[in-house]
Amino acid sequence: NEAQLYYQRMSSLSDLRDARITAHEKVKKNVYMTEYEGSTKVYVNYKNTAVTVDGVTIEPRSFVRVG
């Protein structure tokens, strides 16, 4: 069941596989943002606590796609 959830979350990024990265930056300690052509952003939180960046909350050890 956990593997299935992981697969579903990762498949939400499959359309970005061939997209060009236009920016990558550290936005907080252990939190990174990658921007792709077309303005899609993916925030990755490597921390053990939730963080909020630009109004977006990223759960611990997780990612959020915006756009």
C-alpha atoms as a PDB file:
ATOM      1  CA  ASN A   1       0.000   0.000   0.000  1.00  0.00           C
ATOM      2  CA  GLU A   2       2.827   2.423   0.845  1.00  0.00           C
ATOM      3  CA  ALA A   3       4.591   1.640  -2.432  1.00  0.00           C
ATOM      4  CA  GLN A   4       1.400   2.344  -4.352  1.00  0.00           C
ATOM      5  CA  LEU A   5       1.014   5.757  -2.688  1.00  0.00           C
ATOM      6  CA  TYR A   6       4.649   6.574  -3.455  1.00  0.00           C
ATOM      7  CA  TYR A   7       4.174   5.598  -7.110  1.00  0.00           C
ATOM      8  CA  GLN A   8       1.059   7.769  -7.406  1.00  0.00           C
ATOM      9  CA  ARG A   9       2.847  10.805  -5.938  1.00  0.00           C
ATOM     10  CA  MET A  10       5.880  10.377  -8.172  1.00  0.00           C
ATOM     11  CA  SER A  11       3.736   9.901 -11.272  1.00  0.00           C
ATOM     12  CA  SER A  12       2.354  13.408 -10.665  1.00  0.00           C
ATOM     13  CA  LEU A  13       5.763  14.646 -11.868  1.00  0.00           C
ATOM     14  CA  SER A  14       6.031  12.438 -14.962  1.00  0.00           C
ATOM     15  CA  ASP A  15       5.118  15.238 -17.374  1.00  0.00           C
ATOM     16  CA  LEU A  16       8.190  17.159 -16.176  1.00  0.00           C
ATOM     17  CA  ARG A  17      10.593  14.398 -17.195  1.00  0.00           C
ATOM     18  CA  ASP A  18      11.643  16.185 -20.393  1.00  0.00           C
ATOM     19  CA  ALA A  19      10.982  19.752 -19.221  1.00  0.00           C
ATOM     20  CA  ARG A  20      13.915  22.124 -18.997  1.00  0.00           C
ATOM     21  CA  ILE A  21      14.890  23.308 -15.511  1.00  0.00           C
ATOM     22  CA  THR A  22      14.958  27.099 -15.444  1.00  0.00           C
ATOM     23  CA  ALA A  23      15.880  27.587 -11.764  1.00  0.00           C
ATOM     24  CA  HIS A  24      16.999  25.615  -8.734  1.00  0.00           C
ATOM     25  CA  GLU A  25      17.558  27.215  -5.371  1.00  0.00           C
ATOM     26  CA  LYS A  26      17.756  26.625  -1.662  1.00  0.00           C
ATOM     27  CA  VAL A  27      14.832  28.533  -0.152  1.00  0.00           C
ATOM     28  CA  LYS A  28      15.393  27.513   3.485  1.00  0.00           C
ATOM     29  CA  LYS A  29      17.714  25.134   5.265  1.00  0.00           C
ATOM     30  CA  ASN A  30      16.981  21.674   3.781  1.00  0.00           C
ATOM     31  CA  VAL A  31      14.217  23.049   1.528  1.00  0.00           C
ATOM     32  CA  TYR A  32      14.724  23.456  -2.218  1.00  0.00           C
ATOM     33  CA  MET A  33      12.698  24.745  -5.144  1.00  0.00           C
ATOM     34  CA  THR A  34      13.126  23.639  -8.736  1.00  0.00           C
ATOM     35  CA  GLU A  35      11.356  25.623 -11.453  1.00  0.00           C
ATOM     36  CA  TYR A  36      10.653  24.111 -14.854  1.00  0.00           C
ATOM     37  CA  GLU A  37       9.817  25.741 -18.168  1.00  0.00           C
ATOM     38  CA  GLY A  38       6.182  26.686 -18.126  1.00  0.00           C
ATOM     39  CA  SER A  39       6.497  28.060 -14.568  1.00  0.00           C
ATOM     40  CA  THR A  40       5.854  24.785 -12.726  1.00  0.00           C
ATOM     41  CA  LYS A  41       7.652  24.731  -9.373  1.00  0.00           C
ATOM     42  CA  VAL A  42       8.445  21.747  -7.179  1.00  0.00           C
ATOM     43  CA  TYR A  43       9.321  22.399  -3.537  1.00  0.00           C
ATOM     44  CA  VAL A  44      11.148  19.597  -1.702  1.00  0.00           C
ATOM     45  CA  ASN A  45      11.352  19.513   2.070  1.00  0.00           C
ATOM     46  CA  TYR A  46      14.130  17.299   3.457  1.00  0.00           C
ATOM     47  CA  LYS A  47      13.388  18.356   7.048  1.00  0.00           C
ATOM     48  CA  ASN A  48      11.538  16.327   9.676  1.00  0.00           C
ATOM     49  CA  THR A  49       9.066  19.178  10.224  1.00  0.00           C
ATOM     50  CA  ALA A  50       6.619  20.937   7.922  1.00  0.00           C
ATOM     51  CA  VAL A  51       7.659  24.288   6.418  1.00  0.00           C
ATOM     52  CA  THR A  52       5.813  27.071   4.616  1.00  0.00           C
ATOM     53  CA  VAL A  53       7.412  28.864   1.668  1.00  0.00           C
ATOM     54  CA  ASP A  54       5.627  31.494  -0.441  1.00  0.00           C
ATOM     55  CA  GLY A  55       2.320  30.468   1.149  1.00  0.00           C
ATOM     56  CA  VAL A  56       2.848  26.780   0.319  1.00  0.00           C
ATOM     57  CA  THR A  57       3.125  24.253   3.146  1.00  0.00           C
ATOM     58  CA  ILE A  58       5.388  21.287   2.466  1.00  0.00           C
ATOM     59  CA  GLU A  59       5.030  18.332   4.799  1.00  0.00           C
ATOM     60  CA  PRO A  60       8.135  16.735   6.322  1.00  0.00           C
ATOM     61  CA  ARG A  61      10.243  14.613   3.936  1.00  0.00           C
ATOM     62  CA  SER A  62       7.869  15.416   1.066  1.00  0.00           C
ATOM     63  CA  PHE A  63       7.346  17.625  -1.962  1.00  0.00           C
ATOM     64  CA  VAL A  64       4.667  19.926  -3.378  1.00  0.00           C
ATOM     65  CA  ARG A  65       4.091  20.755  -7.018  1.00  0.00           C
ATOM     66  CA  VAL A  66       2.787  24.232  -7.809  1.00  0.00           C
ATOM     67  CA  GLY A  67       1.509  24.928 -11.303  1.00  0.00           C
END
